[in-house]
Amino acid sequence: MNRLPILKIVYTHLTSRKRQTIVSMLGVTFGITVFIFQAGVITGLQDFFIEKTINSTAHIHIYQDKNQKSPPVLQKIYSADETWISVPNIKSKNELPKLKRGLQIVEILESYPDVTGVSPSLSTQAIFKIGVSDVSGIINGVNIRKENQLFDLEEDMVNGSIIRLETVNNGIILGSGLSESLGTKLNDNITAVSPGGVALQMKVVGIIDTGLQELDNSRAYSSIRNAQKLMNVTGSYITDINIKLKDVDQAGILADEFQSRFGYTAEDWKEANEGIFSVFRIQNIVTYLVIISILLVSGFGIFNILSMMIYEKMNDIAILKSIGYTDIDIRNVFLLEALIIGFLGGLIGLVIGFVISWITSAIPTNIEGIISSEYLNINFDPLFYLLAFVFGLVATGIAGYLPARKASKIDPINIIRSQ
């Protein structure tokens, strides 16, 4: 049959029951809007966290795990197979987390083609004091130029300069949260006290805000030499090696290689943030379950409306079949009605979802938590919008197919006899 009469029939059905048609479209529109906004917010937050993590932390972190078991000391003396050795506490209480041959390891790592930067560092807990303020934190002794190459610290500086860490003898850069807790400002003098009781007078030469609140509330930077003074160790003493890679997806593979080669724990950035990524996976599951539920509800609405429409249009179906319309034509009429509802409702949902997301992203929210951000980061990926639209269209298509198939099986003779 000519397609034009079928389109006219579809148009007549949809416009003759405008209220039901609009309600069905609104169901799809609401589902797509929620899909766009909720998933956009969740994935946008995740992307922002991953970006901040990649930029502010090492792709691979090499360190000595204090919980890693060491071979019994007596094995050096009694190595015979028939000797049974029992040592209740095999670690020295004074053992420090030093990376032996640490600087040589740095040189080896710098020769790897997949490595873009390597920064040795010395990390230790410290108590920061100024006046009556007394705050605990972590002081990182670093080569500030190498550290800046890895993490672009200069971009996150809100006050002062990273170069002053080299020019000022006892300079220190404080995280923004740590600085706020101490009540310090640029050029203030503070006292850093190590766990061993060594105290060092230091001058605040910069304040840094990475957006990762956990780091900003506890971390400070000094030169490696000043950190070594606090720990009262030699000039070759380092505890950590941070590595940046050309391809962050290779971090897991290279971490295993480095751990096997150097004998120290090598932790990639995904493993270090596994707890956060587990929460993200749960968020994604919950988000998609909510969205699917909404689209299923709108699908049932379309199913019910088309079923009622078929019941009311029994005579029309009998007339159409009597003048030559096939079962396929009848099915296509009602299936096309469902698809038009899904198409129009989906388009409106995309527009409303985009507008709501854009307005929300422009409103200052000043988020404080795991990460800090002035505005809500929302995902506007076009592929994401396409997925939402197709998903909504498929849902309405499935909802409309069953009543459309039922309509195509109606026998016009039985309809006429029942009159």
Protein backbone atom coordinates (compact mmCIF):
# COMPACT_ATOMS: atom_id res chain seq x y z
CA MET A 1 0.00 0.00 0.00
CA ASN A 2 1.02 3.64 -0.44
CA ARG A 3 2.90 4.90 2.63
CA LEU A 4 1.15 8.31 2.58
CA PRO A 5 -2.30 7.01 3.74
CA ILE A 6 -0.59 5.13 6.57
CA LEU A 7 1.09 8.34 7.76
CA LYS A 8 -2.26 10.14 7.61
CA ILE A 9 -3.83 7.40 9.74
CA VAL A 10 -0.99 7.67 12.27
CA TYR A 11 -1.37 11.45 12.39
CA THR A 12 -5.14 11.16 12.91
CA HIS A 13 -4.73 8.66 15.76
CA LEU A 14 -2.14 10.76 17.56
CA THR A 15 -3.97 14.08 17.21
CA SER A 16 -7.42 12.69 18.04
CA ARG A 17 -6.20 11.75 21.51
CA LYS A 18 -3.86 14.65 22.22
CA ARG A 19 -3.89 14.32 25.98
CA GLN A 20 -2.82 10.67 25.94
CA THR A 21 -0.21 11.37 23.27
CA ILE A 22 1.27 14.26 25.28
CA VAL A 23 1.32 12.16 28.48
CA SER A 24 3.19 9.38 26.66
CA MET A 25 5.69 11.87 25.21
CA LEU A 26 6.22 13.45 28.63
CA GLY A 27 7.05 10.03 30.08
CA VAL A 28 9.79 9.55 27.48
CA THR A 29 10.92 13.18 27.86
CA PHE A 30 11.23 12.84 31.63
CA GLY A 31 13.20 9.59 31.28
CA ILE A 32 15.65 11.07 28.77
CA THR A 33 16.02 14.29 30.82
CA VAL A 34 16.87 12.33 33.96
CA PHE A 35 19.21 10.14 31.90
CA ILE A 36 21.08 13.18 30.53
CA PHE A 37 21.26 15.11 33.80
CA GLN A 38 21.91 12.39 36.36
CA ALA A 39 24.37 10.40 34.27
CA GLY A 40 26.03 13.63 33.11
CA VAL A 41 26.57 14.76 36.70
CA ILE A 42 27.85 11.37 37.89
CA THR A 43 30.22 10.76 34.97
CA GLY A 44 31.31 14.41 34.97
CA LEU A 45 32.27 14.17 38.64
CA GLN A 46 34.13 10.94 37.97
CA ASP A 47 35.98 12.41 34.97
CA PHE A 48 36.92 15.46 37.04
CA PHE A 49 38.24 13.30 39.87
CA ILE A 50 40.23 11.10 37.47
CA GLU A 51 41.69 14.16 35.73
CA LYS A 52 42.66 15.71 39.05
CA THR A 53 44.11 12.40 40.24
CA ILE A 54 46.14 11.91 37.07
CA ASN A 55 47.48 15.48 37.20
CA SER A 56 48.10 15.68 40.95
CA THR A 57 49.37 12.21 41.81
CA ALA A 58 51.95 9.83 40.40
CA HIS A 59 50.96 7.33 37.72
CA ILE A 60 53.26 4.90 39.56
CA HIS A 61 54.50 5.29 43.12
CA ILE A 62 57.52 3.24 44.25
CA TYR A 63 58.07 2.88 48.00
CA GLN A 64 59.02 0.37 50.67
CA ASP A 65 55.95 -1.30 52.15
CA LYS A 66 56.42 -1.50 55.92
CA ASN A 67 54.06 -4.48 56.05
CA GLN A 68 56.05 -6.45 53.50
CA LYS A 69 57.70 -9.49 55.11
CA SER A 70 61.48 -9.64 55.28
CA PRO A 71 63.53 -12.86 55.31
CA PRO A 72 64.64 -13.98 58.80
CA VAL A 73 67.96 -12.40 59.78
CA LEU A 74 69.32 -15.74 61.04
CA GLN A 75 69.16 -17.20 57.53
CA LYS A 76 72.42 -15.36 56.85
CA ILE A 77 74.10 -17.54 59.48
CA TYR A 78 72.09 -20.74 59.38
CA SER A 79 71.34 -21.43 55.75
CA ALA A 80 71.40 -25.22 55.79
CA ASP A 81 68.22 -26.94 54.66
CA GLU A 82 68.03 -29.02 57.84
CA THR A 83 68.00 -25.96 60.09
CA TRP A 84 64.62 -24.76 61.38
CA ILE A 85 64.53 -21.03 62.09
CA SER A 86 61.90 -19.31 64.25
CA VAL A 87 62.01 -15.53 64.73
CA PRO A 88 58.92 -13.95 66.35
CA ASN A 89 59.69 -10.39 65.21
CA ILE A 90 61.85 -10.24 62.10
CA LYS A 91 61.80 -6.46 61.63
CA SER A 92 64.03 -4.05 63.47
CA LYS A 93 62.02 -1.41 65.33
CA ASN A 94 64.49 1.19 64.07
CA GLU A 95 64.23 0.15 60.43
CA LEU A 96 63.50 3.13 58.18
CA PRO A 97 61.55 3.06 54.88
CA LYS A 98 64.66 3.96 52.86
CA LEU A 99 64.94 2.99 49.20
CA LYS A 100 68.40 1.49 48.89
CA ARG A 101 70.10 2.55 45.66
CA GLY A 102 67.17 4.95 45.25
CA LEU A 103 69.05 7.51 43.15
CA GLN A 104 70.39 4.76 40.86
CA ILE A 105 66.84 3.47 40.43
CA VAL A 106 65.79 7.00 39.39
CA GLU A 107 68.46 7.03 36.67
CA ILE A 108 67.31 3.62 35.37
CA LEU A 109 63.67 4.72 35.30
CA GLU A 110 64.51 7.88 33.37
CA SER A 111 65.91 5.71 30.58
CA TYR A 112 62.55 3.97 30.00
CA PRO A 113 60.91 5.22 26.76
CA ASP A 114 57.41 5.06 28.33
CA VAL A 115 58.43 7.31 31.24
CA THR A 116 58.06 11.08 30.84
CA GLY A 117 59.29 12.12 34.27
CA VAL A 118 60.72 10.75 37.53
CA SER A 119 60.84 12.60 40.84
CA PRO A 120 62.60 11.22 43.95
CA SER A 121 61.21 12.39 47.26
CA LEU A 122 61.41 11.96 50.99
CA SER A 123 58.14 11.81 52.92
CA THR A 124 57.80 12.03 56.68
CA GLN A 125 55.14 12.94 59.17
CA ALA A 126 55.62 16.25 60.94
CA ILE A 127 53.98 18.60 63.40
CA PHE A 128 53.64 22.16 62.09
CA LYS A 129 53.57 24.89 64.72
CA ILE A 130 52.97 28.62 64.65
CA GLY A 131 51.95 30.49 67.75
CA VAL A 132 49.36 28.37 69.54
CA SER A 133 48.43 26.46 66.38
CA ASP A 134 49.64 22.89 66.22
CA VAL A 135 48.70 20.76 63.16
CA SER A 136 49.97 17.36 62.03
CA GLY A 137 50.70 16.66 58.38
CA ILE A 138 53.16 15.20 55.91
CA ILE A 139 56.19 17.01 54.59
CA ASN A 140 57.48 15.98 51.17
CA GLY A 141 61.10 16.70 50.44
CA VAL A 142 61.34 17.08 46.68
CA ASN A 143 63.40 18.36 43.80
CA ILE A 144 60.89 21.09 43.06
CA ARG A 145 61.77 21.36 39.37
CA LYS A 146 61.25 17.62 38.78
CA GLU A 147 58.12 17.63 40.93
CA ASN A 148 56.72 20.55 38.93
CA GLN A 149 57.50 18.71 35.68
CA LEU A 150 55.41 15.77 36.89
CA PHE A 151 52.48 17.53 38.55
CA ASP A 152 52.53 21.09 37.19
CA LEU A 153 52.54 22.50 40.72
CA GLU A 154 53.05 26.02 39.43
CA GLU A 155 49.55 26.03 37.93
CA ASP A 156 48.01 25.17 41.32
CA MET A 157 49.91 27.84 43.26
CA VAL A 158 47.49 30.35 44.76
CA ASN A 159 50.19 32.38 46.47
CA GLY A 160 53.96 32.62 46.27
CA SER A 161 56.32 30.83 43.87
CA ILE A 162 57.75 27.32 43.59
CA ILE A 163 61.17 28.74 42.61
CA ARG A 164 61.52 30.30 46.10
CA LEU A 165 61.75 26.77 47.47
CA GLU A 166 65.23 26.72 45.90
CA THR A 167 66.26 30.28 46.72
CA VAL A 168 65.09 30.37 50.36
CA ASN A 169 67.20 28.09 52.56
CA ASN A 170 64.41 26.77 54.79
CA GLY A 171 61.48 27.42 52.49
CA ILE A 172 58.23 25.44 52.65
CA ILE A 173 55.09 25.30 50.47
CA LEU A 174 51.88 24.50 52.34
CA GLY A 175 48.67 22.94 51.07
CA SER A 176 45.77 25.40 51.16
CA GLY A 177 43.85 23.44 53.81
CA LEU A 178 46.96 23.01 55.96
CA SER A 179 47.74 26.72 55.67
CA GLU A 180 44.18 27.59 56.68
CA SER A 181 44.34 25.27 59.71
CA LEU A 182 47.58 26.90 60.84
CA GLY A 183 46.33 30.41 60.05
CA THR A 184 49.47 31.21 58.07
CA LYS A 185 50.09 33.54 55.17
CA LEU A 186 52.98 34.07 52.77
CA ASN A 187 56.41 34.71 54.40
CA ASP A 188 55.25 33.57 57.86
CA ASN A 189 57.75 31.54 59.89
CA ILE A 190 56.63 28.16 61.21
CA THR A 191 58.29 25.30 63.05
CA ALA A 192 58.29 21.76 61.65
CA VAL A 193 58.94 18.96 64.15
CA SER A 194 59.73 15.42 62.97
CA PRO A 195 58.68 12.21 64.81
CA GLY A 196 62.29 11.97 66.03
CA GLY A 197 62.00 15.34 67.76
CA VAL A 198 64.12 17.32 65.28
CA ALA A 199 62.76 20.86 64.90
CA LEU A 200 63.41 23.15 61.94
CA GLN A 201 62.41 26.77 61.51
CA MET A 202 60.89 27.27 58.05
CA LYS A 203 59.51 30.17 56.00
CA VAL A 204 56.25 29.86 54.02
CA VAL A 205 57.23 30.60 50.40
CA GLY A 206 54.02 29.39 48.74
CA ILE A 207 50.49 28.05 49.17
CA ILE A 208 49.13 25.42 46.79
CA ASP A 209 45.57 24.27 46.05
CA THR A 210 45.32 21.11 43.91
CA GLY A 211 41.57 20.62 44.43
CA LEU A 212 42.17 17.25 46.14
CA GLN A 213 41.13 18.12 49.67
CA GLU A 214 42.79 15.18 51.39
CA LEU A 215 46.17 16.28 50.00
CA ASP A 216 45.67 20.01 50.48
CA ASN A 217 44.73 19.53 54.15
CA SER A 218 47.87 17.61 55.09
CA ARG A 219 50.67 18.02 52.55
CA ALA A 220 53.62 20.42 52.48
CA TYR A 221 56.68 20.64 50.24
CA SER A 222 60.27 21.36 51.16
CA SER A 223 63.64 20.64 49.58
CA ILE A 224 64.95 17.09 49.91
CA ARG A 225 67.83 18.37 52.02
CA ASN A 226 65.53 20.02 54.58
CA ALA A 227 63.43 16.87 54.86
CA GLN A 228 66.64 14.88 55.40
CA LYS A 229 67.61 17.31 58.17
CA LEU A 230 64.26 16.70 59.87
CA MET A 231 64.78 12.94 59.73
CA ASN A 232 68.46 13.25 60.61
CA VAL A 233 69.56 11.06 57.68
CA THR A 234 72.24 11.17 54.99
CA GLY A 235 72.05 12.96 51.64
CA SER A 236 71.31 9.78 49.66
CA TYR A 237 68.22 8.95 51.72
CA ILE A 238 64.89 8.92 49.82
CA THR A 239 61.65 7.08 50.60
CA ASP A 240 59.57 7.51 47.45
CA ILE A 241 59.88 7.66 43.67
CA ASN A 242 57.02 9.17 41.67
CA ILE A 243 56.69 8.39 37.97
CA LYS A 244 54.69 9.93 35.13
CA LEU A 245 53.98 7.94 31.96
CA LYS A 246 53.15 8.77 28.37
CA ASP A 247 50.17 6.40 28.54
CA VAL A 248 48.41 6.17 31.92
CA ASP A 249 46.69 2.95 30.83
CA GLN A 250 50.09 1.20 30.91
CA ALA A 251 50.56 2.04 34.60
CA GLY A 252 49.46 -1.38 35.89
CA ILE A 253 51.75 -3.32 33.54
CA LEU A 254 54.80 -1.14 34.20
CA ALA A 255 54.15 -1.13 37.97
CA ASP A 256 54.38 -4.94 38.00
CA GLU A 257 57.61 -4.77 35.98
CA PHE A 258 59.20 -2.18 38.29
CA GLN A 259 58.18 -4.08 41.41
CA SER A 260 59.69 -7.28 40.05
CA ARG A 261 62.90 -5.56 38.93
CA PHE A 262 63.67 -3.34 41.94
CA GLY A 263 62.08 -5.35 44.77
CA TYR A 264 60.02 -2.47 46.16
CA THR A 265 56.26 -1.93 46.12
CA ALA A 266 55.17 -0.20 42.89
CA GLU A 267 51.57 1.04 43.11
CA ASP A 268 49.75 2.40 40.06
CA TRP A 269 47.24 5.24 40.34
CA LYS A 270 44.20 3.01 39.86
CA GLU A 271 45.28 0.67 42.65
CA ALA A 272 45.98 3.63 44.95
CA ASN A 273 42.42 4.93 44.42
CA GLU A 274 40.65 1.56 44.27
CA GLY A 275 38.27 2.52 47.08
CA ILE A 276 37.06 5.59 45.18
CA PHE A 277 36.65 3.67 41.93
CA SER A 278 34.57 1.04 43.75
CA VAL A 279 32.21 3.81 44.86
CA PHE A 280 32.07 5.08 41.26
CA ARG A 281 31.07 1.63 40.00
CA ILE A 282 28.25 1.46 42.55
CA GLN A 283 27.13 4.97 41.54
CA ASN A 284 26.99 3.94 37.88
CA ILE A 285 24.96 0.83 38.64
CA VAL A 286 22.44 2.79 40.74
CA THR A 287 22.22 5.58 38.13
CA TYR A 288 21.50 3.24 35.25
CA LEU A 289 18.99 1.22 37.31
CA VAL A 290 17.06 4.42 38.11
CA ILE A 291 17.12 5.54 34.47
CA ILE A 292 16.04 2.13 33.17
CA SER A 293 13.21 2.07 35.71
CA ILE A 294 11.95 5.48 34.52
CA LEU A 295 12.07 4.43 30.87
CA LEU A 296 10.30 1.15 31.69
CA VAL A 297 7.51 3.09 33.41
CA SER A 298 7.14 5.36 30.37
CA GLY A 299 7.24 2.26 28.15
CA PHE A 300 4.37 0.69 30.09
CA GLY A 301 2.46 3.94 29.67
CA ILE A 302 2.89 3.76 25.89
CA PHE A 303 1.92 0.08 25.96
CA ASN A 304 -1.31 0.82 27.86
CA ILE A 305 -2.25 3.79 25.69
CA LEU A 306 -1.72 1.86 22.44
CA SER A 307 -3.65 -1.13 23.84
CA MET A 308 -6.60 1.16 24.67
CA MET A 309 -6.31 2.81 21.27
CA ILE A 310 -6.44 -0.58 19.54
CA TYR A 311 -9.54 -1.51 21.51
CA GLU A 312 -11.22 1.75 20.53
CA LYS A 313 -10.14 1.48 16.88
CA MET A 314 -11.42 -2.06 16.27
CA ASN A 315 -13.85 -0.86 13.61
CA ASP A 316 -11.11 1.18 11.90
CA ILE A 317 -8.85 -1.89 11.81
CA ALA A 318 -11.67 -4.00 10.28
CA ILE A 319 -12.34 -1.35 7.61
CA LEU A 320 -8.62 -0.99 6.78
CA LYS A 321 -8.23 -4.74 6.36
CA SER A 322 -11.38 -5.00 4.28
CA ILE A 323 -10.07 -2.46 1.76
CA GLY A 324 -6.75 -4.22 1.30
CA TYR A 325 -4.41 -3.23 4.17
CA THR A 326 -2.26 -6.21 5.24
CA ASP A 327 -1.34 -7.38 8.73
CA ILE A 328 2.07 -5.75 8.27
CA ASP A 329 0.44 -2.42 7.38
CA ILE A 330 -1.75 -2.51 10.50
CA ARG A 331 1.24 -3.41 12.66
CA ASN A 332 3.29 -0.61 11.14
CA VAL A 333 0.55 1.94 11.89
CA PHE A 334 0.64 1.35 15.62
CA LEU A 335 4.38 0.70 15.79
CA LEU A 336 4.99 3.97 13.95
CA GLU A 337 2.81 5.79 16.47
CA ALA A 338 4.98 4.45 19.32
CA LEU A 339 8.20 5.40 17.52
CA ILE A 340 6.94 8.93 16.80
CA ILE A 341 6.06 9.36 20.47
CA GLY A 342 9.51 8.09 21.44
CA PHE A 343 11.27 10.24 18.81
CA LEU A 344 9.57 13.51 19.72
CA GLY A 345 9.70 12.81 23.46
CA GLY A 346 13.38 11.92 23.13
CA LEU A 347 14.25 15.10 21.23
CA ILE A 348 12.49 17.26 23.79
CA GLY A 349 14.22 15.31 26.58
CA LEU A 350 17.63 15.92 25.00
CA VAL A 351 16.98 19.67 24.77
CA ILE A 352 15.62 19.96 28.33
CA GLY A 353 18.40 17.73 29.70
CA PHE A 354 21.07 19.86 27.99
CA VAL A 355 19.54 23.14 29.20
CA ILE A 356 19.21 21.93 32.80
CA SER A 357 22.77 20.54 32.74
CA TRP A 358 24.18 23.76 31.26
CA ILE A 359 22.38 25.96 33.81
CA THR A 360 23.55 23.72 36.66
CA SER A 361 27.16 23.78 35.45
CA ALA A 362 27.12 27.60 35.44
CA ILE A 363 25.91 27.93 39.04
CA PRO A 364 28.72 28.24 41.65
CA THR A 365 28.44 25.29 44.02
CA ASN A 366 31.77 25.45 45.91
CA ILE A 367 31.92 21.68 46.36
CA GLU A 368 33.98 20.53 49.34
CA GLY A 369 34.77 16.87 49.88
CA ILE A 370 37.18 14.40 48.34
CA ILE A 371 37.74 17.01 45.66
CA SER A 372 37.13 20.75 45.74
CA SER A 373 35.53 22.57 42.84
CA GLU A 374 33.84 25.93 42.39
CA TYR A 375 31.43 24.60 39.75
CA LEU A 376 29.77 21.25 39.18
CA ASN A 377 31.54 19.39 36.39
CA ILE A 378 29.01 17.86 33.97
CA ASN A 379 29.62 15.53 31.05
CA PHE A 380 28.42 17.01 27.70
CA ASP A 381 29.87 14.29 25.45
CA PRO A 382 27.73 14.11 22.21
CA LEU A 383 28.12 10.33 22.14
CA PHE A 384 26.53 10.26 25.56
CA TYR A 385 23.47 12.16 24.25
CA LEU A 386 23.22 9.83 21.26
CA LEU A 387 23.24 6.81 23.57
CA ALA A 388 20.45 8.31 25.68
CA PHE A 389 18.31 9.05 22.61
CA VAL A 390 18.79 5.60 21.07
CA PHE A 391 18.10 3.92 24.39
CA GLY A 392 14.84 5.87 24.78
CA LEU A 393 13.80 5.12 21.19
CA VAL A 394 14.47 1.40 21.61
CA ALA A 395 12.50 1.33 24.86
CA THR A 396 9.44 2.94 23.25
CA GLY A 397 9.82 0.74 20.15
CA ILE A 398 9.71 -2.41 22.28
CA ALA A 399 6.77 -1.03 24.28
CA GLY A 400 4.86 -0.33 21.08
CA TYR A 401 5.66 -3.56 19.24
CA LEU A 402 3.50 -5.88 21.36
CA PRO A 403 0.19 -3.98 20.99
CA ALA A 404 1.03 -3.29 17.32
CA ARG A 405 1.52 -7.01 16.71
CA LYS A 406 -1.72 -7.72 18.54
CA ALA A 407 -3.55 -5.25 16.30
CA SER A 408 -2.19 -6.93 13.15
CA LYS A 409 -3.65 -10.31 14.23
CA ILE A 410 -7.23 -9.05 14.66
CA ASP A 411 -9.68 -10.83 12.38
CA PRO A 412 -12.05 -8.26 10.74
CA ILE A 413 -14.79 -10.94 10.36
CA ASN A 414 -14.99 -11.41 14.14
CA ILE A 415 -15.18 -7.61 14.61
CA ILE A 416 -18.08 -7.33 12.13
CA ARG A 417 -19.93 -10.27 13.74
CA SER A 418 -19.63 -8.71 17.17
CA GLN A 419 -21.38 -5.50 16.06
